[in-house]
N, C-alpha and C. Protein backbone atom coordinates (compact mmCIF):
# COMPACT_ATOMS: atom_id res chain seq x y z
N MET A 1 71.35 144.88 104.11
CA MET A 1 71.92 144.36 103.53
C MET A 1 73.63 144.07 103.81
N SER A 2 73.96 142.74 105.02
CA SER A 2 75.69 142.01 104.87
C SER A 2 76.43 142.01 103.12
N PRO A 3 78.35 142.79 103.80
CA PRO A 3 78.51 142.78 102.07
C PRO A 3 78.19 141.47 102.01
N ALA A 4 78.88 141.15 100.12
CA ALA A 4 79.46 139.80 100.05
C ALA A 4 79.96 139.03 100.90
N PRO A 5 80.33 137.95 100.95
CA PRO A 5 80.85 136.97 101.60
C PRO A 5 82.52 136.43 101.16
N THR A 6 83.52 136.64 101.19
CA THR A 6 85.44 136.86 100.53
C THR A 6 85.27 135.27 101.42
N VAL A 7 86.14 135.55 100.22
CA VAL A 7 87.95 134.07 99.90
C VAL A 7 88.21 134.67 100.15
N ARG A 8 89.90 133.88 101.31
CA ARG A 8 91.44 134.61 101.49
C ARG A 8 91.92 133.12 99.60
N THR A 9 92.10 134.17 98.85
CA THR A 9 93.46 133.05 98.44
C THR A 9 94.63 133.36 98.23
N ARG A 10 95.19 132.45 98.11
CA ARG A 10 96.75 132.91 98.31
C ARG A 10 97.66 132.52 96.97
N GLY A 11 96.83 131.99 96.20
CA GLY A 11 97.48 131.66 94.64
C GLY A 11 96.72 131.02 93.72
N THR A 12 97.00 130.96 92.51
CA THR A 12 95.63 130.23 91.54
C THR A 12 96.79 129.51 90.48
N LEU A 13 96.34 128.60 89.47
CA LEU A 13 96.32 127.77 88.83
C LEU A 13 95.41 128.52 86.95
N VAL A 14 96.49 127.87 86.96
CA VAL A 14 96.44 127.71 84.44
C VAL A 14 95.58 125.88 84.45
N ILE A 15 95.12 126.29 83.62
CA ILE A 15 95.10 124.38 83.76
C ILE A 15 94.81 124.14 82.05
N ASP A 16 95.92 123.75 81.78
CA ASP A 16 95.17 123.05 79.90
C ASP A 16 94.16 121.99 79.99
N ILE A 17 93.07 123.02 79.80
CA ILE A 17 92.15 121.52 79.75
C ILE A 17 92.03 120.66 78.57
N ASP A 18 92.65 121.24 77.49
CA ASP A 18 92.76 120.47 76.36
C ASP A 18 93.27 118.55 76.74
N ALA A 19 94.03 119.53 77.25
CA ALA A 19 95.54 118.12 77.64
C ALA A 19 94.92 117.64 79.31
N CYS A 20 93.76 118.00 79.74
CA CYS A 20 92.95 116.51 81.05
C CYS A 20 92.30 114.97 80.51
N LYS A 21 92.33 114.34 81.04
CA LYS A 21 91.82 113.54 80.14
C LYS A 21 90.50 112.84 81.83
N GLY A 22 90.33 113.61 82.69
CA GLY A 22 89.44 113.67 83.23
C GLY A 22 90.26 112.74 84.55
N CYS A 23 90.69 112.15 85.00
CA CYS A 23 91.26 111.50 85.85
C CYS A 23 90.55 111.42 87.93
N ASP A 24 90.32 112.51 88.18
CA ASP A 24 90.32 113.18 89.17
C ASP A 24 91.07 113.44 90.17
N LEU A 25 92.16 112.88 89.75
CA LEU A 25 93.18 112.82 90.97
C LEU A 25 94.09 113.80 91.34
N CYS A 26 93.76 115.34 90.83
CA CYS A 26 94.16 116.64 91.18
C CYS A 26 92.66 117.38 92.48
N VAL A 27 90.94 116.33 91.89
CA VAL A 27 90.32 117.08 93.01
C VAL A 27 90.91 116.18 94.19
N ASP A 28 91.18 115.36 94.46
CA ASP A 28 91.52 114.38 95.54
C ASP A 28 92.32 114.54 96.18
N SER A 29 93.01 114.84 95.77
CA SER A 29 94.44 115.67 96.06
C SER A 29 94.13 117.48 97.02
N CYS A 30 93.76 117.75 96.34
CA CYS A 30 93.58 119.51 96.74
C CYS A 30 93.17 119.98 97.83
N PRO A 31 94.45 120.50 99.59
CA PRO A 31 94.43 120.14 100.57
C PRO A 31 92.45 121.26 100.94
N PRO A 32 92.38 122.15 100.53
CA PRO A 32 91.55 122.69 100.35
C PRO A 32 90.68 123.12 99.87
N GLY A 33 90.20 121.99 97.91
CA GLY A 33 89.18 120.86 98.49
C GLY A 33 88.74 122.10 97.52
N VAL A 34 89.75 123.30 96.90
CA VAL A 34 88.80 124.33 96.08
C VAL A 34 88.51 123.75 93.71
N LEU A 35 89.04 122.34 93.50
CA LEU A 35 89.28 121.78 92.72
C LEU A 35 87.38 121.47 92.80
N VAL A 36 86.66 121.54 91.77
CA VAL A 36 86.45 120.92 90.79
C VAL A 36 85.80 119.68 89.41
N MET A 37 85.06 118.58 89.61
CA MET A 37 85.41 118.13 87.43
C MET A 37 83.79 118.60 87.38
N THR A 38 84.02 119.26 85.94
CA THR A 38 82.78 119.92 85.74
C THR A 38 82.22 118.65 85.23
N GLU A 39 80.69 119.06 85.20
CA GLU A 39 80.00 117.83 85.28
C GLU A 39 79.36 117.72 83.73
N HIS A 40 78.79 118.47 82.85
CA HIS A 40 78.12 119.18 81.74
C HIS A 40 79.38 118.80 80.80
N GLU A 41 80.29 119.71 81.30
CA GLU A 41 81.46 121.05 80.02
C GLU A 41 82.52 119.35 79.93
N THR A 42 82.55 119.27 78.84
CA THR A 42 84.31 118.02 78.06
C THR A 42 84.62 119.50 77.36
N ASN A 43 86.47 118.88 77.20
CA ASN A 43 87.67 119.51 76.00
C ASN A 43 87.45 118.34 75.18
N ALA A 44 87.86 119.50 74.38
CA ALA A 44 88.11 118.66 72.53
C ALA A 44 87.95 116.98 72.53
N ARG A 45 88.72 116.81 73.81
CA ARG A 45 89.02 115.67 73.78
C ARG A 45 88.20 114.39 74.64
N GLY A 46 86.61 115.23 74.72
CA GLY A 46 85.94 114.64 74.99
C GLY A 46 85.28 113.89 77.46
N TYR A 47 87.11 114.40 77.00
CA TYR A 47 87.54 114.49 79.00
C TYR A 47 86.39 115.71 80.32
N ARG A 48 85.67 115.06 81.18
CA ARG A 48 85.88 116.52 82.41
C ARG A 48 86.65 117.26 82.48
N TYR A 49 87.30 117.88 82.82
CA TYR A 49 88.15 118.56 83.98
C TYR A 49 87.81 119.17 84.63
N PRO A 50 89.81 119.75 85.71
CA PRO A 50 88.61 121.13 86.25
C PRO A 50 88.59 121.81 86.23
N ARG A 51 88.17 122.63 87.79
CA ARG A 51 87.50 123.85 87.79
C ARG A 51 88.15 124.62 88.63
N LEU A 52 88.81 125.63 88.94
CA LEU A 52 89.03 126.29 89.88
C LEU A 52 87.86 127.69 90.44
N LEU A 53 88.03 126.81 92.10
CA LEU A 53 87.49 127.66 92.38
C LEU A 53 87.93 128.71 93.69
N ALA A 54 86.99 129.61 94.06
CA ALA A 54 88.28 130.65 95.15
C ALA A 54 88.13 129.25 96.12
N GLY A 55 89.41 130.22 96.70
CA GLY A 55 90.28 129.66 98.07
C GLY A 55 92.22 128.98 97.78
N CYS A 56 92.41 128.69 96.57
CA CYS A 56 93.80 128.14 95.89
C CYS A 56 94.48 128.47 97.01
N THR A 57 95.82 128.00 97.44
CA THR A 57 96.50 128.51 98.71
C THR A 57 98.48 128.28 97.38
N GLY A 58 97.56 128.07 96.93
CA GLY A 58 99.54 127.03 95.57
C GLY A 58 100.24 126.96 95.60
N CYS A 59 99.43 125.22 96.97
CA CYS A 59 100.49 124.53 97.56
C CYS A 59 100.81 122.76 96.36
N GLN A 60 100.70 123.53 95.63
CA GLN A 60 101.05 122.93 93.94
C GLN A 60 100.53 121.38 94.59
N ALA A 61 100.41 121.03 95.46
CA ALA A 61 99.71 119.55 95.15
C ALA A 61 99.07 119.27 94.01
N CYS A 62 98.40 119.69 93.44
CA CYS A 62 97.02 119.07 92.17
C CYS A 62 98.35 118.75 91.54
N SER A 63 99.28 120.11 91.28
CA SER A 63 100.05 120.37 89.36
C SER A 63 101.21 118.53 90.28
N GLN A 64 101.48 118.85 91.68
CA GLN A 64 102.66 117.39 91.31
C GLN A 64 102.06 115.76 91.43
N ILE A 65 100.62 115.63 91.52
CA ILE A 65 99.59 114.57 90.79
C ILE A 65 99.27 114.07 89.96
N CYS A 66 98.80 115.04 89.15
CA CYS A 66 98.56 114.88 87.79
C CYS A 66 99.42 114.50 86.23
N PRO A 67 98.71 113.12 86.39
CA PRO A 67 100.00 112.74 84.89
C PRO A 67 100.03 113.25 83.72
N ASP A 68 99.33 114.43 83.00
CA ASP A 68 99.55 115.05 81.97
C ASP A 68 99.96 116.69 82.02
N PHE A 69 100.07 116.22 82.92
CA PHE A 69 101.20 117.66 83.97
C PHE A 69 100.44 119.30 83.28
N VAL A 70 98.64 119.16 83.47
CA VAL A 70 98.37 119.95 82.99
C VAL A 70 97.80 121.55 84.04
N PHE A 71 98.71 121.55 85.33
CA PHE A 71 98.87 122.69 85.78
C PHE A 71 99.97 123.22 86.21
N GLN A 72 99.69 124.92 85.98
CA GLN A 72 101.11 125.54 85.66
C GLN A 72 100.14 126.60 86.86
N VAL A 73 100.75 126.47 88.45
CA VAL A 73 100.09 126.37 90.22
C VAL A 73 101.51 128.65 90.13
N TYR A 74 100.59 129.40 90.45
CA TYR A 74 101.51 130.49 91.03
C TYR A 74 101.15 131.17 92.74
N LYS A 75 101.13 131.29 92.83
CA LYS A 75 101.45 131.64 95.00
C LYS A 75 101.16 133.31 95.03
N TYR A 76 100.74 133.84 95.11
CA TYR A 76 100.35 135.46 95.69
C TYR A 76 101.35 135.41 96.78
N GLU A 77 102.55 137.08 96.51
CA GLU A 77 103.12 137.43 97.58
C GLU A 77 102.21 138.03 98.85
N THR A 78 101.15 138.23 97.83
CA THR A 78 100.05 138.64 99.84
C THR A 78 99.18 138.55 99.15
N PRO A 79 98.52 137.33 99.79
CA PRO A 79 97.31 137.53 99.78
C PRO A 79 95.65 138.06 98.96
N LEU A 80 94.70 137.19 98.69
CA LEU A 80 93.83 138.29 98.66
C LEU A 80 92.73 138.06 98.40
N GLU A 81 91.65 138.93 98.97
CA GLU A 81 90.48 138.89 99.52
C GLU A 81 89.40 138.84 98.27
N LEU A 82 88.62 137.52 97.60
CA LEU A 82 87.95 137.26 96.31
C LEU A 82 86.27 136.95 96.51
N PRO A 83 85.82 137.47 95.82
CA PRO A 83 83.95 137.24 96.37
C PRO A 83 84.07 134.80 95.55
N GLY A 84 83.16 134.87 96.92
CA GLY A 84 82.23 133.83 96.32
C GLY A 84 83.16 132.41 97.82
N GLY A 85 82.80 133.72 99.58
CA GLY A 85 82.75 132.66 100.25
C GLY A 85 81.63 131.81 100.78
N PRO A 86 80.87 131.40 101.80
CA PRO A 86 79.92 130.47 101.69
C PRO A 86 78.43 131.12 102.04
N SER A 87 77.48 131.51 102.08
CA SER A 87 76.62 132.36 102.13
C SER A 87 76.41 132.23 103.78
């Protein structure tokens, strides 16, 4: 049996889910493509919101484009290997 696939991540996000209006701008602007919008879950105001997958680079594109300032971006000094790579 082969080991579980991993993804190198250089950053992470804290997302203020309840402040999000579900505009999708962050998803479209994410260079590594690790932000996806929820499909069935909504926040307290009824909007879909982004979720972070493994592989964030900490580039801050999401926080720079977000009109509602819902992202706090953190970049790791040393990249981490996280489970969740392609199968």
